[in-house]
Amino acid sequence: MNIEYNQIKDKFEVSRMTYESKLKNQFTDELFEAILLLKDIEECYRFFEDICTIKEIQALSQRLKVAKLLRQNKTYNEIEDITGASTATISRINRCLHYGADGYTTILNRLDEKEE
């Protein structure tokens, strides 16, 4: 029982630590700060249409949809049929859901809360 408590405590301590991304630099910080300043979905559309290509936006939205479907326990074939994503993309997103930086999990949990 004491070992179990220590394992849980250690896991909790790790999750409270500050996350240091491999992407972190001044330009990326400025981009993310700018995104956080957007006030509504219309501003998001306007900003992302200016900063990204249509294909880039479609790829990002496809990845989020794939993550949602993986959390719903859909098969790779079902996800491929629904989204058009390749099995390589689906596999990468699945790996991120299980072993990534918890970005997908954070946003999917918040989207679930919003829907409730």
Protein backbone atom coordinates (compact mmCIF):
# COMPACT_ATOMS: atom_id res chain seq x y z
CA MET A 1 0.00 0.00 0.00
CA ASN A 2 2.82 2.43 0.81
CA ILE A 3 4.49 1.69 -2.54
CA GLU A 4 1.20 2.38 -4.35
CA TYR A 5 0.84 5.72 -2.53
CA ASN A 6 4.39 6.73 -3.45
CA GLN A 7 3.82 5.81 -7.11
CA ILE A 8 0.66 7.91 -7.22
CA LYS A 9 2.39 10.76 -5.40
CA ASP A 10 5.34 10.63 -7.81
CA LYS A 11 3.02 10.62 -10.82
CA PHE A 12 1.12 13.62 -9.41
CA GLU A 13 4.36 15.52 -8.79
CA VAL A 14 5.50 14.88 -12.38
CA SER A 15 2.19 16.14 -13.79
CA ARG A 16 2.55 19.42 -11.86
CA MET A 17 5.99 20.11 -13.30
CA THR A 18 6.31 22.81 -15.97
CA TYR A 19 6.22 21.40 -19.47
CA GLU A 20 9.20 22.27 -21.67
CA SER A 21 8.40 21.71 -25.33
CA LYS A 22 10.97 20.83 -27.96
CA LEU A 23 9.25 23.49 -30.10
CA LYS A 24 9.78 26.28 -27.59
CA ASN A 25 11.38 29.43 -28.92
CA GLN A 26 10.56 33.13 -29.09
CA PHE A 27 8.67 32.90 -32.40
CA THR A 28 6.53 29.98 -31.25
CA ASP A 29 5.80 31.72 -27.94
CA GLU A 30 4.61 34.80 -29.87
CA LEU A 31 2.41 32.66 -32.12
CA PHE A 32 0.77 30.87 -29.19
CA GLU A 33 0.31 34.12 -27.26
CA ALA A 34 -1.41 35.57 -30.35
CA ILE A 35 -3.73 32.55 -30.60
CA LEU A 36 -4.64 32.91 -26.93
CA LEU A 37 -5.74 36.51 -27.64
CA LEU A 38 -8.41 35.42 -30.14
CA LYS A 39 -11.85 36.14 -28.68
CA ASP A 40 -14.27 34.03 -30.70
CA ILE A 41 -14.58 31.53 -33.54
CA GLU A 42 -14.89 34.28 -36.17
CA GLU A 43 -11.55 35.77 -35.07
CA CYS A 44 -10.07 32.26 -35.24
CA TYR A 45 -11.28 31.81 -38.80
CA ARG A 46 -9.91 35.21 -39.83
CA PHE A 47 -6.52 34.65 -38.20
CA PHE A 48 -6.03 31.08 -39.37
CA GLU A 49 -7.14 31.87 -42.93
CA ASP A 50 -4.42 34.53 -43.02
CA ILE A 51 -1.67 32.50 -41.35
CA CYS A 52 -2.30 29.00 -42.76
CA THR A 53 -3.13 27.45 -46.09
CA ILE A 54 -6.47 25.72 -46.50
CA LYS A 55 -4.66 22.35 -46.57
CA GLU A 56 -2.88 23.11 -43.28
CA ILE A 57 -6.14 24.02 -41.54
CA GLN A 58 -7.83 20.92 -42.95
CA ALA A 59 -4.94 18.74 -41.75
CA LEU A 60 -5.14 20.17 -38.23
CA SER A 61 -8.91 19.77 -38.03
CA GLN A 62 -8.63 16.23 -39.42
CA ARG A 63 -6.14 15.32 -36.68
CA LEU A 64 -8.46 16.58 -33.98
CA LYS A 65 -11.36 14.58 -35.45
CA VAL A 66 -9.15 11.47 -35.60
CA ALA A 67 -8.26 11.94 -31.91
CA LYS A 68 -11.95 12.21 -31.01
CA LEU A 69 -12.77 9.05 -32.95
CA LEU A 70 -9.88 7.13 -31.36
CA ARG A 71 -11.22 8.09 -27.93
CA GLN A 72 -14.58 6.69 -29.04
CA ASN A 73 -12.78 3.39 -29.77
CA LYS A 74 -13.41 3.54 -33.51
CA THR A 75 -11.25 1.23 -35.63
CA TYR A 76 -8.56 2.54 -37.95
CA ASN A 77 -10.72 1.50 -40.93
CA GLU A 78 -13.73 3.39 -39.58
CA ILE A 79 -11.62 6.47 -38.92
CA GLU A 80 -10.04 6.28 -42.36
CA ASP A 81 -13.52 6.08 -43.95
CA ILE A 82 -14.90 8.98 -41.89
CA THR A 83 -11.92 11.37 -42.13
CA GLY A 84 -9.84 10.27 -45.09
CA ALA A 85 -6.78 10.20 -42.82
CA SER A 86 -4.06 7.69 -43.63
CA THR A 87 -3.34 4.84 -41.24
CA ALA A 88 0.08 6.44 -40.63
CA THR A 89 -1.61 9.65 -39.45
CA ILE A 90 -4.10 7.72 -37.32
CA SER A 91 -1.26 5.70 -35.78
CA ARG A 92 0.75 8.83 -34.98
CA ILE A 93 -2.25 10.46 -33.28
CA ASN A 94 -2.95 7.26 -31.34
CA ARG A 95 0.66 7.26 -30.15
CA CYS A 96 0.29 10.91 -29.07
CA LEU A 97 -2.88 10.07 -27.14
CA HIS A 98 -1.06 7.36 -25.21
CA TYR A 99 2.52 8.63 -24.96
CA GLY A 100 2.46 12.29 -26.01
CA ALA A 101 2.49 15.61 -24.20
CA ASP A 102 -1.21 15.30 -23.20
CA GLY A 103 -2.23 18.11 -25.56
CA TYR A 104 -4.93 16.06 -27.26
CA THR A 105 -6.19 14.75 -23.93
CA THR A 106 -6.39 18.25 -22.45
CA ILE A 107 -8.37 19.70 -25.33
CA LEU A 108 -10.62 16.66 -25.78
CA ASN A 109 -11.51 16.72 -22.08
CA ARG A 110 -12.37 20.41 -22.32
CA LEU A 111 -14.48 19.83 -25.42
CA ASP A 112 -16.30 17.02 -23.58
CA GLU A 113 -16.96 19.35 -20.63
CA LYS A 114 -18.27 22.04 -22.99
CA GLU A 115 -20.71 19.59 -24.59
CA GLU A 116 -22.15 18.53 -21.22
